[in-house]
mmCIF file of all heavy atoms, coordinates in Angstrom:
data_MODEL
# 
_entry.id   MODEL 
# 
loop_
_atom_site.group_PDB 
_atom_site.id 
_atom_site.type_symbol 
_atom_site.label_atom_id 
_atom_site.label_alt_id 
_atom_site.label_comp_id 
_atom_site.label_asym_id 
_atom_site.label_entity_id 
_atom_site.label_seq_id 
_atom_site.pdbx_PDB_ins_code 
_atom_site.Cartn_x 
_atom_site.Cartn_y 
_atom_site.Cartn_z 
_atom_site.occupancy 
_atom_site.B_iso_or_equiv 
_atom_site.pdbx_formal_charge 
_atom_site.auth_seq_id 
_atom_site.auth_comp_id 
_atom_site.auth_asym_id 
_atom_site.auth_atom_id 
_atom_site.pdbx_PDB_model_num 
ATOM 1   N N   . TYR A 1 1  ? -1.592 6.283  13.492 1.00 0.00 ? 1  TYR A N   1 
ATOM 2   C CA  . TYR A 1 1  ? -1.408 7.299  12.471 1.00 0.00 ? 1  TYR A CA  1 
ATOM 3   C C   . TYR A 1 1  ? -1.001 6.676  11.146 1.00 0.00 ? 1  TYR A C   1 
ATOM 4   O O   . TYR A 1 1  ? -0.167 5.783  11.108 1.00 0.00 ? 1  TYR A O   1 
ATOM 5   C CB  . TYR A 1 1  ? -0.320 8.299  12.901 1.00 0.00 ? 1  TYR A CB  1 
ATOM 6   C CG  . TYR A 1 1  ? -0.622 8.957  14.213 1.00 0.00 ? 1  TYR A CG  1 
ATOM 7   C CD1 . TYR A 1 1  ? -0.088 8.454  15.388 1.00 0.00 ? 1  TYR A CD1 1 
ATOM 8   C CD2 . TYR A 1 1  ? -1.468 10.060 14.274 1.00 0.00 ? 1  TYR A CD2 1 
ATOM 9   C CE1 . TYR A 1 1  ? -0.375 9.056  16.612 1.00 0.00 ? 1  TYR A CE1 1 
ATOM 10  C CE2 . TYR A 1 1  ? -1.762 10.662 15.492 1.00 0.00 ? 1  TYR A CE2 1 
ATOM 11  C CZ  . TYR A 1 1  ? -1.213 10.149 16.651 1.00 0.00 ? 1  TYR A CZ  1 
ATOM 12  O OH  . TYR A 1 1  ? -1.504 10.734 17.850 1.00 0.00 ? 1  TYR A OH  1 
ATOM 13  N N   . SER A 1 2  ? -1.536 7.218  10.062 1.00 0.00 ? 2  SER A N   1 
ATOM 14  C CA  . SER A 1 2  ? -1.117 6.764  8.740  1.00 0.00 ? 2  SER A CA  1 
ATOM 15  C C   . SER A 1 2  ? 0.258  7.338  8.439  1.00 0.00 ? 2  SER A C   1 
ATOM 16  O O   . SER A 1 2  ? 0.702  8.291  9.088  1.00 0.00 ? 2  SER A O   1 
ATOM 17  C CB  . SER A 1 2  ? -2.124 7.198  7.673  1.00 0.00 ? 2  SER A CB  1 
ATOM 18  O OG  . SER A 1 2  ? -2.073 8.604  7.514  1.00 0.00 ? 2  SER A OG  1 
ATOM 19  N N   . ASP A 1 3  ? 0.908  6.788  7.422  1.00 0.00 ? 3  ASP A N   1 
ATOM 20  C CA  . ASP A 1 3  ? 2.257  7.230  7.072  1.00 0.00 ? 3  ASP A CA  1 
ATOM 21  C C   . ASP A 1 3  ? 2.304  8.673  6.586  1.00 0.00 ? 3  ASP A C   1 
ATOM 22  O O   . ASP A 1 3  ? 3.342  9.321  6.690  1.00 0.00 ? 3  ASP A O   1 
ATOM 23  C CB  . ASP A 1 3  ? 2.870  6.309  6.012  1.00 0.00 ? 3  ASP A CB  1 
ATOM 24  C CG  . ASP A 1 3  ? 3.241  4.956  6.589  1.00 0.00 ? 3  ASP A CG  1 
ATOM 25  O OD1 . ASP A 1 3  ? 3.332  4.834  7.830  1.00 0.00 ? 3  ASP A OD1 1 
ATOM 26  O OD2 . ASP A 1 3  ? 3.447  4.022  5.800  1.00 0.00 ? 3  ASP A OD2 1 
ATOM 27  N N   . ASP A 1 4  ? 1.194  9.195  6.060  1.00 0.00 ? 4  ASP A N   1 
ATOM 28  C CA  . ASP A 1 4  ? 1.221  10.598 5.634  1.00 0.00 ? 4  ASP A CA  1 
ATOM 29  C C   . ASP A 1 4  ? 0.689  11.540 6.717  1.00 0.00 ? 4  ASP A C   1 
ATOM 30  O O   . ASP A 1 4  ? 0.678  12.751 6.528  1.00 0.00 ? 4  ASP A O   1 
ATOM 31  C CB  . ASP A 1 4  ? 0.502  10.801 4.300  1.00 0.00 ? 4  ASP A CB  1 
ATOM 32  C CG  . ASP A 1 4  ? -0.990 10.582 4.386  1.00 0.00 ? 4  ASP A CG  1 
ATOM 33  O OD1 . ASP A 1 4  ? -1.447 9.889  5.314  1.00 0.00 ? 4  ASP A OD1 1 
ATOM 34  O OD2 . ASP A 1 4  ? -1.704 11.104 3.518  1.00 0.00 ? 4  ASP A OD2 1 
ATOM 35  N N   . GLU A 1 5  ? 0.282  10.994 7.858  1.00 0.00 ? 5  GLU A N   1 
ATOM 36  C CA  . GLU A 1 5  ? -0.086 11.816 9.012  1.00 0.00 ? 5  GLU A CA  1 
ATOM 37  C C   . GLU A 1 5  ? 1.104  12.020 9.942  1.00 0.00 ? 5  GLU A C   1 
ATOM 38  O O   . GLU A 1 5  ? 1.277  13.083 10.523 1.00 0.00 ? 5  GLU A O   1 
ATOM 39  C CB  . GLU A 1 5  ? -1.175 11.137 9.844  1.00 0.00 ? 5  GLU A CB  1 
ATOM 40  C CG  . GLU A 1 5  ? -2.559 11.210 9.297  1.00 0.00 ? 5  GLU A CG  1 
ATOM 41  C CD  . GLU A 1 5  ? -3.523 10.489 10.222 1.00 0.00 ? 5  GLU A CD  1 
ATOM 42  O OE1 . GLU A 1 5  ? -3.369 9.274  10.445 1.00 0.00 ? 5  GLU A OE1 1 
ATOM 43  O OE2 . GLU A 1 5  ? -4.433 11.164 10.732 1.00 0.00 ? 5  GLU A OE2 1 
ATOM 44  N N   . LEU A 1 6  ? 1.902  10.957 10.094 1.00 0.00 ? 6  LEU A N   1 
ATOM 45  C CA  . LEU A 1 6  ? 3.050  10.989 10.990 1.00 0.00 ? 6  LEU A CA  1 
ATOM 46  C C   . LEU A 1 6  ? 4.212  10.294 10.297 1.00 0.00 ? 6  LEU A C   1 
ATOM 47  O O   . LEU A 1 6  ? 4.163  9.104  10.032 1.00 0.00 ? 6  LEU A O   1 
ATOM 48  C CB  . LEU A 1 6  ? 2.727  10.272 12.308 1.00 0.00 ? 6  LEU A CB  1 
ATOM 49  C CG  . LEU A 1 6  ? 3.774  10.383 13.403 1.00 0.00 ? 6  LEU A CG  1 
ATOM 50  C CD1 . LEU A 1 6  ? 3.852  11.810 13.929 1.00 0.00 ? 6  LEU A CD1 1 
ATOM 51  C CD2 . LEU A 1 6  ? 3.458  9.422  14.542 1.00 0.00 ? 6  LEU A CD2 1 
ATOM 52  N N   . TYR A 1 7  ? 5.214  11.089 9.970  1.00 0.00 ? 7  TYR A N   1 
ATOM 53  C CA  . TYR A 1 7  ? 6.421  10.548 9.337  1.00 0.00 ? 7  TYR A CA  1 
ATOM 54  C C   . TYR A 1 7  ? 7.361  10.130 10.455 1.00 0.00 ? 7  TYR A C   1 
ATOM 55  O O   . TYR A 1 7  ? 7.780  10.958 11.260 1.00 0.00 ? 7  TYR A O   1 
ATOM 56  C CB  . TYR A 1 7  ? 7.080  11.604 8.436  1.00 0.00 ? 7  TYR A CB  1 
ATOM 57  C CG  . TYR A 1 7  ? 6.192  12.035 7.300  1.00 0.00 ? 7  TYR A CG  1 
ATOM 58  C CD1 . TYR A 1 7  ? 5.226  13.021 7.491  1.00 0.00 ? 7  TYR A CD1 1 
ATOM 59  C CD2 . TYR A 1 7  ? 6.301  11.442 6.056  1.00 0.00 ? 7  TYR A CD2 1 
ATOM 60  C CE1 . TYR A 1 7  ? 4.388  13.410 6.453  1.00 0.00 ? 7  TYR A CE1 1 
ATOM 61  C CE2 . TYR A 1 7  ? 5.475  11.829 5.005  1.00 0.00 ? 7  TYR A CE2 1 
ATOM 62  C CZ  . TYR A 1 7  ? 4.519  12.807 5.223  1.00 0.00 ? 7  TYR A CZ  1 
ATOM 63  O OH  . TYR A 1 7  ? 3.690  13.191 4.186  1.00 0.00 ? 7  TYR A OH  1 
ATOM 64  N N   . LYS A 1 8  ? 7.657  8.868  10.511 1.00 0.00 ? 8  LYS A N   1 
ATOM 65  C CA  . LYS A 1 8  ? 8.519  8.308  11.545 1.00 0.00 ? 8  LYS A CA  1 
ATOM 66  C C   . LYS A 1 8  ? 9.875  8.017  10.909 1.00 0.00 ? 8  LYS A C   1 
ATOM 67  O O   . LYS A 1 8  ? 9.953  7.275  9.933  1.00 0.00 ? 8  LYS A O   1 
ATOM 68  C CB  . LYS A 1 8  ? 7.888  7.044  12.126 1.00 0.00 ? 8  LYS A CB  1 
ATOM 69  C CG  . LYS A 1 8  ? 6.493  7.300  12.691 1.00 0.00 ? 8  LYS A CG  1 
ATOM 70  C CD  . LYS A 1 8  ? 5.692  6.046  12.922 1.00 0.00 ? 8  LYS A CD  1 
ATOM 71  C CE  . LYS A 1 8  ? 5.149  5.400  11.692 1.00 0.00 ? 8  LYS A CE  1 
ATOM 72  N NZ  . LYS A 1 8  ? 4.043  6.033  11.027 1.00 0.00 ? 8  LYS A NZ  1 
ATOM 73  N N   . LEU A 1 9  ? 10.931 8.625  11.446 1.00 0.00 ? 9  LEU A N   1 
ATOM 74  C CA  . LEU A 1 9  ? 12.252 8.517  10.830 1.00 0.00 ? 9  LEU A CA  1 
ATOM 75  C C   . LEU A 1 9  ? 13.291 8.074  11.849 1.00 0.00 ? 9  LEU A C   1 
ATOM 76  O O   . LEU A 1 9  ? 13.202 8.410  13.030 1.00 0.00 ? 9  LEU A O   1 
ATOM 77  C CB  . LEU A 1 9  ? 12.658 9.856  10.220 1.00 0.00 ? 9  LEU A CB  1 
ATOM 78  C CG  . LEU A 1 9  ? 11.703 10.418 9.168  1.00 0.00 ? 9  LEU A CG  1 
ATOM 79  C CD1 . LEU A 1 9  ? 12.072 11.847 8.829  1.00 0.00 ? 9  LEU A CD1 1 
ATOM 80  C CD2 . LEU A 1 9  ? 11.698 9.547  7.927  1.00 0.00 ? 9  LEU A CD2 1 
ATOM 81  N N   . THR A 1 10 ? 14.274 7.355  11.367 1.00 0.00 ? 10 THR A N   1 
ATOM 82  C CA  . THR A 1 10 ? 15.375 6.871  12.190 1.00 0.00 ? 10 THR A CA  1 
ATOM 83  C C   . THR A 1 10 ? 16.666 7.209  11.474 1.00 0.00 ? 10 THR A C   1 
ATOM 84  O O   . THR A 1 10 ? 16.750 7.096  10.251 1.00 0.00 ? 10 THR A O   1 
ATOM 85  C CB  . THR A 1 10 ? 15.259 5.340  12.390 1.00 0.00 ? 10 THR A CB  1 
ATOM 86  O OG1 . THR A 1 10 ? 13.978 5.057  12.982 1.00 0.00 ? 10 THR A OG1 1 
ATOM 87  C CG2 . THR A 1 10 ? 16.337 4.812  13.297 1.00 0.00 ? 10 THR A CG2 1 
ATOM 88  N N   . ILE A 1 11 ? 17.676 7.632  12.229 1.00 0.00 ? 11 ILE A N   1 
ATOM 89  C CA  . ILE A 1 11 ? 18.983 7.880  11.644 1.00 0.00 ? 11 ILE A CA  1 
ATOM 90  C C   . ILE A 1 11 ? 19.909 6.742  12.076 1.00 0.00 ? 11 ILE A C   1 
ATOM 91  O O   . ILE A 1 11 ? 19.922 6.349  13.239 1.00 0.00 ? 11 ILE A O   1 
ATOM 92  C CB  . ILE A 1 11 ? 19.528 9.281  12.009 1.00 0.00 ? 11 ILE A CB  1 
ATOM 93  C CG1 . ILE A 1 11 ? 20.647 9.679  11.048 1.00 0.00 ? 11 ILE A CG1 1 
ATOM 94  C CG2 . ILE A 1 11 ? 19.933 9.388  13.449 1.00 0.00 ? 11 ILE A CG2 1 
ATOM 95  C CD1 . ILE A 1 11 ? 20.944 11.165 11.014 1.00 0.00 ? 11 ILE A CD1 1 
ATOM 96  N N   . VAL A 1 12 ? 20.615 6.194  11.100 1.00 0.00 ? 12 VAL A N   1 
ATOM 97  C CA  . VAL A 1 12 ? 21.444 5.011  11.352 1.00 0.00 ? 12 VAL A CA  1 
ATOM 98  C C   . VAL A 1 12 ? 22.846 5.200  10.780 1.00 0.00 ? 12 VAL A C   1 
ATOM 99  O O   . VAL A 1 12 ? 23.056 5.953  9.835  1.00 0.00 ? 12 VAL A O   1 
ATOM 100 C CB  . VAL A 1 12 ? 20.819 3.733  10.747 1.00 0.00 ? 12 VAL A CB  1 
ATOM 101 C CG1 . VAL A 1 12 ? 19.492 3.407  11.402 1.00 0.00 ? 12 VAL A CG1 1 
ATOM 102 C CG2 . VAL A 1 12 ? 20.645 3.850  9.253  1.00 0.00 ? 12 VAL A CG2 1 
ATOM 103 N N   . ASP A 1 13 ? 23.766 4.499  11.383 1.00 0.00 ? 13 ASP A N   1 
ATOM 104 C CA  . ASP A 1 13 ? 25.112 4.325  10.865 1.00 0.00 ? 13 ASP A CA  1 
ATOM 105 C C   . ASP A 1 13 ? 25.194 2.815  10.679 1.00 0.00 ? 13 ASP A C   1 
ATOM 106 O O   . ASP A 1 13 ? 24.424 2.268  9.910  1.00 0.00 ? 13 ASP A O   1 
ATOM 107 C CB  . ASP A 1 13 ? 26.136 4.861  11.865 1.00 0.00 ? 13 ASP A CB  1 
ATOM 108 C CG  . ASP A 1 13 ? 27.511 5.051  11.246 1.00 0.00 ? 13 ASP A CG  1 
ATOM 109 O OD1 . ASP A 1 13 ? 27.728 4.549  10.134 1.00 0.00 ? 13 ASP A OD1 1 
ATOM 110 O OD2 . ASP A 1 13 ? 28.368 5.683  11.881 1.00 0.00 ? 13 ASP A OD2 1 
ATOM 111 N N   . ASP A 1 14 ? 26.015 2.150  11.430 1.00 0.00 ? 14 ASP A N   1 
ATOM 112 C CA  . ASP A 1 14 ? 25.951 0.684  11.452 1.00 0.00 ? 14 ASP A CA  1 
ATOM 113 C C   . ASP A 1 14 ? 24.842 0.228  12.380 1.00 0.00 ? 14 ASP A C   1 
ATOM 114 O O   . ASP A 1 14 ? 24.436 -0.923 12.370 1.00 0.00 ? 14 ASP A O   1 
ATOM 115 C CB  . ASP A 1 14 ? 27.291 0.101  11.927 1.00 0.00 ? 14 ASP A CB  1 
ATOM 116 C CG  . ASP A 1 14 ? 28.398 0.360  10.921 1.00 0.00 ? 14 ASP A CG  1 
ATOM 117 O OD1 . ASP A 1 14 ? 28.092 0.455  9.720  1.00 0.00 ? 14 ASP A OD1 1 
ATOM 118 O OD2 . ASP A 1 14 ? 29.562 0.471  11.348 1.00 0.00 ? 14 ASP A OD2 1 
ATOM 119 N N   . GLU A 1 15 ? 24.379 1.135  13.209 1.00 0.00 ? 15 GLU A N   1 
ATOM 120 C CA  . GLU A 1 15 ? 23.315 0.862  14.176 1.00 0.00 ? 15 GLU A CA  1 
ATOM 121 C C   . GLU A 1 15 ? 22.405 2.079  14.253 1.00 0.00 ? 15 GLU A C   1 
ATOM 122 O O   . GLU A 1 15 ? 22.713 3.133  13.709 1.00 0.00 ? 15 GLU A O   1 
ATOM 123 C CB  . GLU A 1 15 ? 23.925 0.543  15.540 1.00 0.00 ? 15 GLU A CB  1 
ATOM 124 C CG  . GLU A 1 15 ? 24.779 1.685  16.083 1.00 0.00 ? 15 GLU A CG  1 
ATOM 125 C CD  . GLU A 1 15 ? 25.566 1.307  17.317 1.00 0.00 ? 15 GLU A CD  1 
ATOM 126 O OE1 . GLU A 1 15 ? 25.198 0.357  18.000 1.00 0.00 ? 15 GLU A OE1 1 
ATOM 127 O OE2 . GLU A 1 15 ? 26.557 1.992  17.600 1.00 0.00 ? 15 GLU A OE2 1 
ATOM 128 N N   . ILE A 1 16 ? 21.313 1.932  14.961 1.00 0.00 ? 16 ILE A N   1 
ATOM 129 C CA  . ILE A 1 16 ? 20.372 3.036  15.140 1.00 0.00 ? 16 ILE A CA  1 
ATOM 130 C C   . ILE A 1 16 ? 21.003 4.061  16.084 1.00 0.00 ? 16 ILE A C   1 
ATOM 131 O O   . ILE A 1 16 ? 21.464 3.712  17.169 1.00 0.00 ? 16 ILE A O   1 
ATOM 132 C CB  . ILE A 1 16 ? 19.038 2.530  15.726 1.00 0.00 ? 16 ILE A CB  1 
ATOM 133 C CG1 . ILE A 1 16 ? 18.399 1.530  14.765 1.00 0.00 ? 16 ILE A CG1 1 
ATOM 134 C CG2 . ILE A 1 16 ? 18.100 3.688  16.008 1.00 0.00 ? 16 ILE A CG2 1 
ATOM 135 C CD1 . ILE A 1 16 ? 17.258 0.765  15.381 1.00 0.00 ? 16 ILE A CD1 1 
ATOM 136 N N   . ILE A 1 17 ? 21.026 5.312  15.658 1.00 0.00 ? 17 ILE A N   1 
ATOM 137 C CA  . ILE A 1 17 ? 21.635 6.396  16.427 1.00 0.00 ? 17 ILE A CA  1 
ATOM 138 C C   . ILE A 1 17 ? 20.568 7.314  17.023 1.00 0.00 ? 17 ILE A C   1 
ATOM 139 O O   . ILE A 1 17 ? 20.712 7.810  18.125 1.00 0.00 ? 17 ILE A O   1 
ATOM 140 C CB  . ILE A 1 17 ? 22.569 7.246  15.533 1.00 0.00 ? 17 ILE A CB  1 
ATOM 141 C CG1 . ILE A 1 17 ? 23.629 6.395  14.859 1.00 0.00 ? 17 ILE A CG1 1 
ATOM 142 C CG2 . ILE A 1 17 ? 23.167 8.405  16.309 1.00 0.00 ? 17 ILE A CG2 1 
ATOM 143 C CD1 . ILE A 1 17 ? 24.709 5.898  15.765 1.00 0.00 ? 17 ILE A CD1 1 
ATOM 144 N N   . GLY A 1 18 ? 19.487 7.561  16.269 1.00 0.00 ? 18 GLY A N   1 
ATOM 145 C CA  . GLY A 1 18 ? 18.464 8.487  16.725 1.00 0.00 ? 18 GLY A CA  1 
ATOM 146 C C   . GLY A 1 18 ? 17.144 8.286  16.012 1.00 0.00 ? 18 GLY A C   1 
ATOM 147 O O   . GLY A 1 18 ? 17.046 7.502  15.064 1.00 0.00 ? 18 GLY A O   1 
ATOM 148 N N   . HIS A 1 19 ? 16.147 9.013  16.475 1.00 0.00 ? 19 HIS A N   1 
ATOM 149 C CA  . HIS A 1 19 ? 14.796 8.848  15.971 1.00 0.00 ? 19 HIS A CA  1 
ATOM 150 C C   . HIS A 1 19 ? 14.015 10.142 16.183 1.00 0.00 ? 19 HIS A C   1 
ATOM 151 O O   . HIS A 1 19 ? 14.295 10.891 17.122 1.00 0.00 ? 19 HIS A O   1 
ATOM 152 C CB  . HIS A 1 19 ? 14.122 7.700  16.730 1.00 0.00 ? 19 HIS A CB  1 
ATOM 153 C CG  . HIS A 1 19 ? 12.656 7.611  16.522 1.00 0.00 ? 19 HIS A CG  1 
ATOM 154 N ND1 . HIS A 1 19 ? 12.095 7.200  15.335 1.00 0.00 ? 19 HIS A ND1 1 
ATOM 155 C CD2 . HIS A 1 19 ? 11.617 7.893  17.349 1.00 0.00 ? 19 HIS A CD2 1 
ATOM 156 C CE1 . HIS A 1 19 ? 10.773 7.224  15.456 1.00 0.00 ? 19 HIS A CE1 1 
ATOM 157 N NE2 . HIS A 1 19 ? 10.469 7.643  16.656 1.00 0.00 ? 19 HIS A NE2 1 
ATOM 158 N N   . LEU A 1 20 ? 13.047 10.397 15.320 1.00 0.00 ? 20 LEU A N   1 
ATOM 159 C CA  . LEU A 1 20 ? 12.106 11.503 15.496 1.00 0.00 ? 20 LEU A CA  1 
ATOM 160 C C   . LEU A 1 20 ? 10.898 11.302 14.611 1.00 0.00 ? 20 LEU A C   1 
ATOM 161 O O   . LEU A 1 20 ? 10.878 10.406 13.762 1.00 0.00 ? 20 LEU A O   1 
ATOM 162 C CB  . LEU A 1 20 ? 12.761 12.863 15.223 1.00 0.00 ? 20 LEU A CB  1 
ATOM 163 C CG  . LEU A 1 20 ? 13.462 13.136 13.885 1.00 0.00 ? 20 LEU A CG  1 
ATOM 164 C CD1 . LEU A 1 20 ? 12.527 13.216 12.721 1.00 0.00 ? 20 LEU A CD1 1 
ATOM 165 C CD2 . LEU A 1 20 ? 14.246 14.421 13.980 1.00 0.00 ? 20 LEU A CD2 1 
ATOM 166 N N   . THR A 1 21 ? 9.912  12.153 14.811 1.00 0.00 ? 21 THR A N   1 
ATOM 167 C CA  . THR A 1 21 ? 8.721  12.137 13.967 1.00 0.00 ? 21 THR A CA  1 
ATOM 168 C C   . THR A 1 21 ? 8.498  13.530 13.390 1.00 0.00 ? 21 THR A C   1 
ATOM 169 O O   . THR A 1 21 ? 8.985  14.531 13.932 1.00 0.00 ? 21 THR A O   1 
ATOM 170 C CB  . THR A 1 21 ? 7.454  11.721 14.749 1.00 0.00 ? 21 THR A CB  1 
ATOM 171 O OG1 . THR A 1 21 ? 7.216  12.670 15.787 1.00 0.00 ? 21 THR A OG1 1 
ATOM 172 C CG2 . THR A 1 21 ? 7.591  10.322 15.317 1.00 0.00 ? 21 THR A CG2 1 
ATOM 173 N N   . ILE A 1 22 ? 7.765  13.569 12.286 1.00 0.00 ? 22 ILE A N   1 
ATOM 174 C CA  . ILE A 1 22 ? 7.369  14.824 11.649 1.00 0.00 ? 22 ILE A CA  1 
ATOM 175 C C   . ILE A 1 22 ? 5.883  14.704 11.331 1.00 0.00 ? 22 ILE A C   1 
ATOM 176 O O   . ILE A 1 22 ? 5.433  13.676 10.825 1.00 0.00 ? 22 ILE A O   1 
ATOM 177 C CB  . ILE A 1 22 ? 8.142  15.071 10.332 1.00 0.00 ? 22 ILE A CB  1 
ATOM 178 C CG1 . ILE A 1 22 ? 9.646  15.062 10.570 1.00 0.00 ? 22 ILE A CG1 1 
ATOM 179 C CG2 . ILE A 1 22 ? 7.681  16.379 9.681  1.00 0.00 ? 22 ILE A CG2 1 
ATOM 180 C CD1 . ILE A 1 22 ? 10.478 15.001 9.295  1.00 0.00 ? 22 ILE A CD1 1 
ATOM 181 N N   . ARG A 1 23 ? 5.148  15.763 11.633 1.00 0.00 ? 23 ARG A N   1 
ATOM 182 C CA  . ARG A 1 23 ? 3.726  15.805 11.262 1.00 0.00 ? 23 ARG A CA  1 
ATOM 183 C C   . ARG A 1 23 ? 3.382  17.217 10.835 1.00 0.00 ? 23 ARG A C   1 
ATOM 184 O O   . ARG A 1 23 ? 4.028  18.182 11.263 1.00 0.00 ? 23 ARG A O   1 
ATOM 185 C CB  . ARG A 1 23 ? 2.832  15.360 12.406 1.00 0.00 ? 23 ARG A CB  1 
ATOM 186 C CG  . ARG A 1 23 ? 2.871  16.256 13.615 1.00 0.00 ? 23 ARG A CG  1 
ATOM 187 C CD  . ARG A 1 23 ? 2.030  15.703 14.777 1.00 0.00 ? 23 ARG A CD  1 
ATOM 188 N NE  . ARG A 1 23 ? 2.267  16.453 15.981 1.00 0.00 ? 23 ARG A NE  1 
ATOM 189 C CZ  . ARG A 1 23 ? 1.586  17.525 16.360 1.00 0.00 ? 23 ARG A CZ  1 
ATOM 190 N NH1 . ARG A 1 23 ? 0.600  17.986 15.605 1.00 0.00 ? 23 ARG A NH1 1 
ATOM 191 N NH2 . ARG A 1 23 ? 1.876  18.143 17.484 1.00 0.00 ? 23 ARG A NH2 1 
ATOM 192 N N   . PHE A 1 24 ? 2.409  17.337 9.965  1.00 0.00 ? 24 PHE A N   1 
ATOM 193 C CA  . PHE A 1 24 ? 1.948  18.658 9.543  1.00 0.00 ? 24 PHE A CA  1 
ATOM 194 C C   . PHE A 1 24 ? 0.904  19.150 10.532 1.00 0.00 ? 24 PHE A C   1 
ATOM 195 O O   . PHE A 1 24 ? 0.064  18.368 11.001 1.00 0.00 ? 24 PHE A O   1 
ATOM 196 C CB  . PHE A 1 24 ? 1.379  18.616 8.124  1.00 0.00 ? 24 PHE A CB  1 
ATOM 197 C CG  . PHE A 1 24 ? 2.464  18.538 7.087  1.00 0.00 ? 24 PHE A CG  1 
ATOM 198 C CD1 . PHE A 1 24 ? 2.804  17.330 6.501  1.00 0.00 ? 24 PHE A CD1 1 
ATOM 199 C CD2 . PHE A 1 24 ? 3.166  19.677 6.728  1.00 0.00 ? 24 PHE A CD2 1 
ATOM 200 C CE1 . PHE A 1 24 ? 3.816  17.254 5.562  1.00 0.00 ? 24 PHE A CE1 1 
ATOM 201 C CE2 . PHE A 1 24 ? 4.185  19.615 5.790  1.00 0.00 ? 24 PHE A CE2 1 
ATOM 202 C CZ  . PHE A 1 24 ? 4.512  18.397 5.208  1.00 0.00 ? 24 PHE A CZ  1 
ATOM 203 N N   . ILE A 1 25 ? 0.967  20.433 10.844 1.00 0.00 ? 25 ILE A N   1 
ATOM 204 C CA  . ILE A 1 25 ? 0.035  20.995 11.821 1.00 0.00 ? 25 ILE A CA  1 
ATOM 205 C C   . ILE A 1 25 ? -0.915 22.009 11.189 1.00 0.00 ? 25 ILE A C   1 
ATOM 206 O O   . ILE A 1 25 ? -1.627 22.705 11.898 1.00 0.00 ? 25 ILE A O   1 
ATOM 207 C CB  . ILE A 1 25 ? 0.776  21.605 13.028 1.00 0.00 ? 25 ILE A CB  1 
ATOM 208 C CG1 . ILE A 1 25 ? 1.746  22.702 12.602 1.00 0.00 ? 25 ILE A CG1 1 
ATOM 209 C CG2 . ILE A 1 25 ? 1.491  20.516 13.808 1.00 0.00 ? 25 ILE A CG2 1 
ATOM 210 C CD1 . ILE A 1 25 ? 2.392  23.458 13.769 1.00 0.00 ? 25 ILE A CD1 1 
# 
């Protein structure tokens, strides 16, 4: 997927805490 097809995001503090994706449908 291209970056504008699937937005891949990570939430961090001092380390990685979580992750998710966003896509338009």
